[in-house]
Amino acid sequence: MKTATFPPLRTTPELRQAAEQILEEGETLSSFVEQAIRESIERRQHRQEFIARGLLSRDNARQSGKYVSADNVIGRLEKMLASAKGGQ
């Protein structure tokens, strides 16, 4: 597979210095930027999938007329949290 490049990134000297200061051993600024781009893409894909599932769920609820009240959901979550805290 051929490789491609991203356009040059213009930034402040302070931002570049901050990035260089947190590089791990053997890590280059280019590899850091590439990893940051990959992670950002993954986060955005997950967010888009989450929104799509939510919209589908909303549409299914509207179509079926079956809803779960917010109080019911919060109650279940509180029970799960209490159970998880009790199991520590």
N, C-alpha and C. Protein backbone atom coordinates (compact mmCIF):
# COMPACT_ATOMS: atom_id res chain seq x y z
N MET A 1 0.85 -1.17 0.00
CA MET A 1 0.00 0.00 0.00
C MET A 1 0.90 1.23 0.00
N LYS A 2 0.56 2.19 -0.84
CA LYS A 2 1.30 3.43 -0.88
C LYS A 2 0.98 4.25 0.36
N THR A 3 1.94 5.03 0.80
CA THR A 3 1.68 5.92 1.93
C THR A 3 1.31 7.29 1.42
N ALA A 4 0.67 8.05 2.28
CA ALA A 4 0.27 9.41 1.96
C ALA A 4 0.71 10.31 3.11
N THR A 5 0.68 11.60 2.86
CA THR A 5 1.07 12.54 3.91
C THR A 5 -0.11 13.44 4.25
N PHE A 6 -0.10 13.92 5.47
CA PHE A 6 -1.07 14.93 5.88
C PHE A 6 -0.49 16.29 5.51
N PRO A 7 -1.35 17.28 5.36
CA PRO A 7 -0.83 18.62 5.08
C PRO A 7 0.00 19.11 6.27
N PRO A 8 0.95 19.99 6.02
CA PRO A 8 1.74 20.53 7.13
C PRO A 8 0.83 21.18 8.17
N LEU A 9 1.21 21.06 9.39
CA LEU A 9 0.40 21.58 10.49
C LEU A 9 1.05 22.84 11.05
N ARG A 10 0.38 23.96 10.92
CA ARG A 10 0.88 25.21 11.47
C ARG A 10 0.36 25.33 12.89
N THR A 11 1.26 25.63 13.82
CA THR A 11 0.86 25.74 15.21
C THR A 11 1.77 26.72 15.93
N THR A 12 1.48 26.97 17.16
CA THR A 12 2.32 27.88 17.94
C THR A 12 3.56 27.14 18.44
N PRO A 13 4.63 27.86 18.65
CA PRO A 13 5.82 27.21 19.21
C PRO A 13 5.55 26.57 20.56
N GLU A 14 4.66 27.15 21.33
CA GLU A 14 4.33 26.60 22.66
C GLU A 14 3.67 25.24 22.55
N LEU A 15 2.75 25.08 21.60
CA LEU A 15 2.08 23.80 21.42
C LEU A 15 3.07 22.74 20.97
N ARG A 16 3.93 23.10 20.03
CA ARG A 16 4.94 22.14 19.57
C ARG A 16 5.86 21.74 20.72
N GLN A 17 6.28 22.70 21.51
CA GLN A 17 7.16 22.40 22.64
C GLN A 17 6.46 21.49 23.65
N ALA A 18 5.19 21.76 23.92
CA ALA A 18 4.43 20.92 24.86
C ALA A 18 4.34 19.50 24.34
N ALA A 19 4.11 19.34 23.05
CA ALA A 19 4.02 18.00 22.46
C ALA A 19 5.38 17.30 22.54
N GLU A 20 6.43 18.01 22.24
CA GLU A 20 7.77 17.40 22.28
C GLU A 20 8.14 16.98 23.70
N GLN A 21 7.69 17.72 24.69
CA GLN A 21 8.04 17.42 26.07
C GLN A 21 7.37 16.15 26.59
N ILE A 22 6.27 15.77 26.01
CA ILE A 22 5.55 14.59 26.52
C ILE A 22 5.80 13.33 25.69
N LEU A 23 6.66 13.44 24.69
CA LEU A 23 6.97 12.26 23.89
C LEU A 23 7.60 11.18 24.76
N GLU A 24 7.21 9.95 24.50
CA GLU A 24 7.79 8.82 25.23
C GLU A 24 9.07 8.39 24.54
N GLU A 25 9.84 7.58 25.24
CA GLU A 25 11.13 7.14 24.71
C GLU A 25 10.95 6.45 23.36
N GLY A 26 11.71 6.89 22.38
CA GLY A 26 11.64 6.31 21.04
C GLY A 26 10.51 6.84 20.18
N GLU A 27 9.66 7.67 20.73
CA GLU A 27 8.52 8.21 20.00
C GLU A 27 8.93 9.49 19.28
N THR A 28 8.48 9.63 18.05
CA THR A 28 8.75 10.85 17.31
C THR A 28 7.52 11.74 17.31
N LEU A 29 7.74 12.99 16.98
CA LEU A 29 6.61 13.90 16.91
C LEU A 29 5.63 13.44 15.82
N SER A 30 6.17 12.93 14.72
CA SER A 30 5.30 12.42 13.64
C SER A 30 4.46 11.25 14.10
N SER A 31 5.07 10.31 14.82
CA SER A 31 4.30 9.15 15.29
C SER A 31 3.26 9.57 16.33
N PHE A 32 3.61 10.56 17.15
CA PHE A 32 2.64 11.08 18.13
C PHE A 32 1.44 11.70 17.42
N VAL A 33 1.70 12.51 16.41
CA VAL A 33 0.61 13.15 15.67
C VAL A 33 -0.23 12.10 14.95
N GLU A 34 0.42 11.11 14.35
CA GLU A 34 -0.32 10.05 13.66
C GLU A 34 -1.23 9.30 14.63
N GLN A 35 -0.71 8.96 15.81
CA GLN A 35 -1.51 8.24 16.80
C GLN A 35 -2.68 9.10 17.28
N ALA A 36 -2.44 10.39 17.47
CA ALA A 36 -3.51 11.30 17.89
C ALA A 36 -4.61 11.35 16.84
N ILE A 37 -4.23 11.36 15.57
CA ILE A 37 -5.22 11.38 14.49
C ILE A 37 -6.01 10.07 14.48
N ARG A 38 -5.30 8.94 14.62
CA ARG A 38 -5.99 7.65 14.64
C ARG A 38 -7.01 7.58 15.79
N GLU A 39 -6.59 8.02 16.98
CA GLU A 39 -7.49 7.98 18.15
C GLU A 39 -8.67 8.91 17.97
N SER A 40 -8.45 10.06 17.37
CA SER A 40 -9.54 11.00 17.13
C SER A 40 -10.54 10.43 16.13
N ILE A 41 -10.04 9.79 15.08
CA ILE A 41 -10.92 9.15 14.10
C ILE A 41 -11.76 8.07 14.78
N GLU A 42 -11.12 7.24 15.60
CA GLU A 42 -11.84 6.17 16.29
C GLU A 42 -12.92 6.73 17.22
N ARG A 43 -12.59 7.79 17.98
CA ARG A 43 -13.58 8.41 18.86
C ARG A 43 -14.77 8.93 18.07
N ARG A 44 -14.48 9.58 16.96
CA ARG A 44 -15.58 10.13 16.15
C ARG A 44 -16.43 9.03 15.53
N GLN A 45 -15.80 7.94 15.11
CA GLN A 45 -16.57 6.82 14.58
C GLN A 45 -17.47 6.23 15.66
N HIS A 46 -16.93 6.06 16.86
CA HIS A 46 -17.74 5.53 17.96
C HIS A 46 -18.89 6.46 18.28
N ARG A 47 -18.62 7.76 18.26
CA ARG A 47 -19.68 8.74 18.55
C ARG A 47 -20.77 8.66 17.49
N GLN A 48 -20.39 8.57 16.21
CA GLN A 48 -21.37 8.47 15.14
C GLN A 48 -22.21 7.20 15.28
N GLU A 49 -21.56 6.09 15.61
CA GLU A 49 -22.28 4.82 15.81
C GLU A 49 -23.23 4.92 17.00
N PHE A 50 -22.79 5.56 18.08
CA PHE A 50 -23.62 5.74 19.27
C PHE A 50 -24.86 6.56 18.93
N ILE A 51 -24.66 7.64 18.20
CA ILE A 51 -25.78 8.49 17.81
C ILE A 51 -26.74 7.73 16.90
N ALA A 52 -26.20 6.97 15.96
CA ALA A 52 -27.05 6.19 15.05
C ALA A 52 -27.88 5.18 15.83
N ARG A 53 -27.26 4.50 16.82
CA ARG A 53 -28.03 3.54 17.65
C ARG A 53 -29.11 4.26 18.44
N GLY A 54 -28.79 5.43 18.96
CA GLY A 54 -29.77 6.19 19.73
C GLY A 54 -30.95 6.62 18.88
N LEU A 55 -30.66 7.09 17.67
CA LEU A 55 -31.74 7.51 16.78
C LEU A 55 -32.60 6.32 16.35
N LEU A 56 -31.97 5.19 16.10
CA LEU A 56 -32.72 3.98 15.75
C LEU A 56 -33.61 3.55 16.92
N SER A 57 -33.07 3.60 18.11
CA SER A 57 -33.85 3.24 19.29
C SER A 57 -35.03 4.19 19.47
N ARG A 58 -34.78 5.47 19.26
CA ARG A 58 -35.87 6.46 19.35
C ARG A 58 -36.95 6.14 18.33
N ASP A 59 -36.54 5.86 17.09
CA ASP A 59 -37.52 5.56 16.04
C ASP A 59 -38.30 4.29 16.36
N ASN A 60 -37.61 3.27 16.89
CA ASN A 60 -38.29 2.02 17.26
C ASN A 60 -39.29 2.27 18.39
N ALA A 61 -38.91 3.10 19.35
CA ALA A 61 -39.81 3.39 20.46
C ALA A 61 -41.05 4.14 19.96
N ARG A 62 -40.81 5.09 19.07
CA ARG A 62 -41.96 5.83 18.51
C ARG A 62 -42.89 4.91 17.75
N GLN A 63 -42.29 4.00 16.98
CA GLN A 63 -43.10 3.10 16.17
C GLN A 63 -43.88 2.11 17.04
N SER A 64 -43.25 1.59 18.07
CA SER A 64 -43.90 0.58 18.91
C SER A 64 -44.74 1.21 20.03
N GLY A 65 -44.43 2.46 20.35
CA GLY A 65 -45.12 3.10 21.47
C GLY A 65 -44.62 2.64 22.82
N LYS A 66 -43.56 1.86 22.85
CA LYS A 66 -43.02 1.35 24.11
C LYS A 66 -41.83 2.20 24.53
N TYR A 67 -41.95 2.83 25.67
CA TYR A 67 -40.90 3.68 26.20
C TYR A 67 -40.55 3.23 27.61
N VAL A 68 -39.36 3.55 28.05
CA VAL A 68 -38.95 3.32 29.43
C VAL A 68 -38.75 4.71 30.02
N SER A 69 -39.37 4.96 31.15
CA SER A 69 -39.28 6.29 31.74
C SER A 69 -37.87 6.57 32.25
N ALA A 70 -37.51 7.84 32.26
CA ALA A 70 -36.20 8.25 32.77
C ALA A 70 -36.04 7.83 34.23
N ASP A 71 -37.11 7.94 35.02
CA ASP A 71 -37.04 7.56 36.43
C ASP A 71 -36.72 6.07 36.57
N ASN A 72 -37.29 5.25 35.71
CA ASN A 72 -37.04 3.82 35.74
C ASN A 72 -35.57 3.53 35.40
N VAL A 73 -35.07 4.20 34.38
CA VAL A 73 -33.67 4.00 33.97
C VAL A 73 -32.73 4.44 35.08
N ILE A 74 -32.97 5.61 35.63
CA ILE A 74 -32.11 6.12 36.71
C ILE A 74 -32.17 5.20 37.92
N GLY A 75 -33.34 4.69 38.22
CA GLY A 75 -33.47 3.75 39.34
C GLY A 75 -32.64 2.50 39.12
N ARG A 76 -32.69 1.97 37.92
CA ARG A 76 -31.88 0.78 37.61
C ARG A 76 -30.39 1.08 37.71
N LEU A 77 -29.99 2.24 37.19
CA LEU A 77 -28.57 2.61 37.25
C LEU A 77 -28.11 2.80 38.70
N GLU A 78 -28.97 3.40 39.52
CA GLU A 78 -28.61 3.58 40.93
C GLU A 78 -28.44 2.24 41.63
N LYS A 79 -29.31 1.28 41.31
CA LYS A 79 -29.17 -0.06 41.88
C LYS A 79 -27.87 -0.72 41.43
N MET A 80 -27.54 -0.58 40.15
CA MET A 80 -26.30 -1.16 39.63
C MET A 80 -25.09 -0.53 40.32
N LEU A 81 -25.14 0.78 40.51
CA LEU A 81 -24.04 1.48 41.17
C LEU A 81 -23.90 1.04 42.62
N ALA A 82 -25.03 0.95 43.30
CA ALA A 82 -25.00 0.50 44.71
C ALA A 82 -24.45 -0.91 44.80
N SER A 83 -24.85 -1.76 43.90
CA SER A 83 -24.37 -3.15 43.88
C SER A 83 -22.87 -3.18 43.62
N ALA A 84 -22.41 -2.37 42.68
CA ALA A 84 -20.98 -2.34 42.35
C ALA A 84 -20.17 -1.80 43.52
N LYS A 85 -20.69 -0.80 44.21
CA LYS A 85 -19.97 -0.25 45.37
C LYS A 85 -19.96 -1.25 46.51
N GLY A 86 -21.03 -1.99 46.66
CA GLY A 86 -21.11 -2.98 47.73
C GLY A 86 -20.17 -4.16 47.50
N GLY A 87 -19.83 -4.40 46.25
CA GLY A 87 -18.98 -5.53 45.92
C GLY A 87 -17.48 -5.23 46.01
N GLN A 88 -17.16 -4.02 46.44
CA GLN A 88 -15.73 -3.65 46.51
C GLN A 88 -15.03 -4.28 47.67
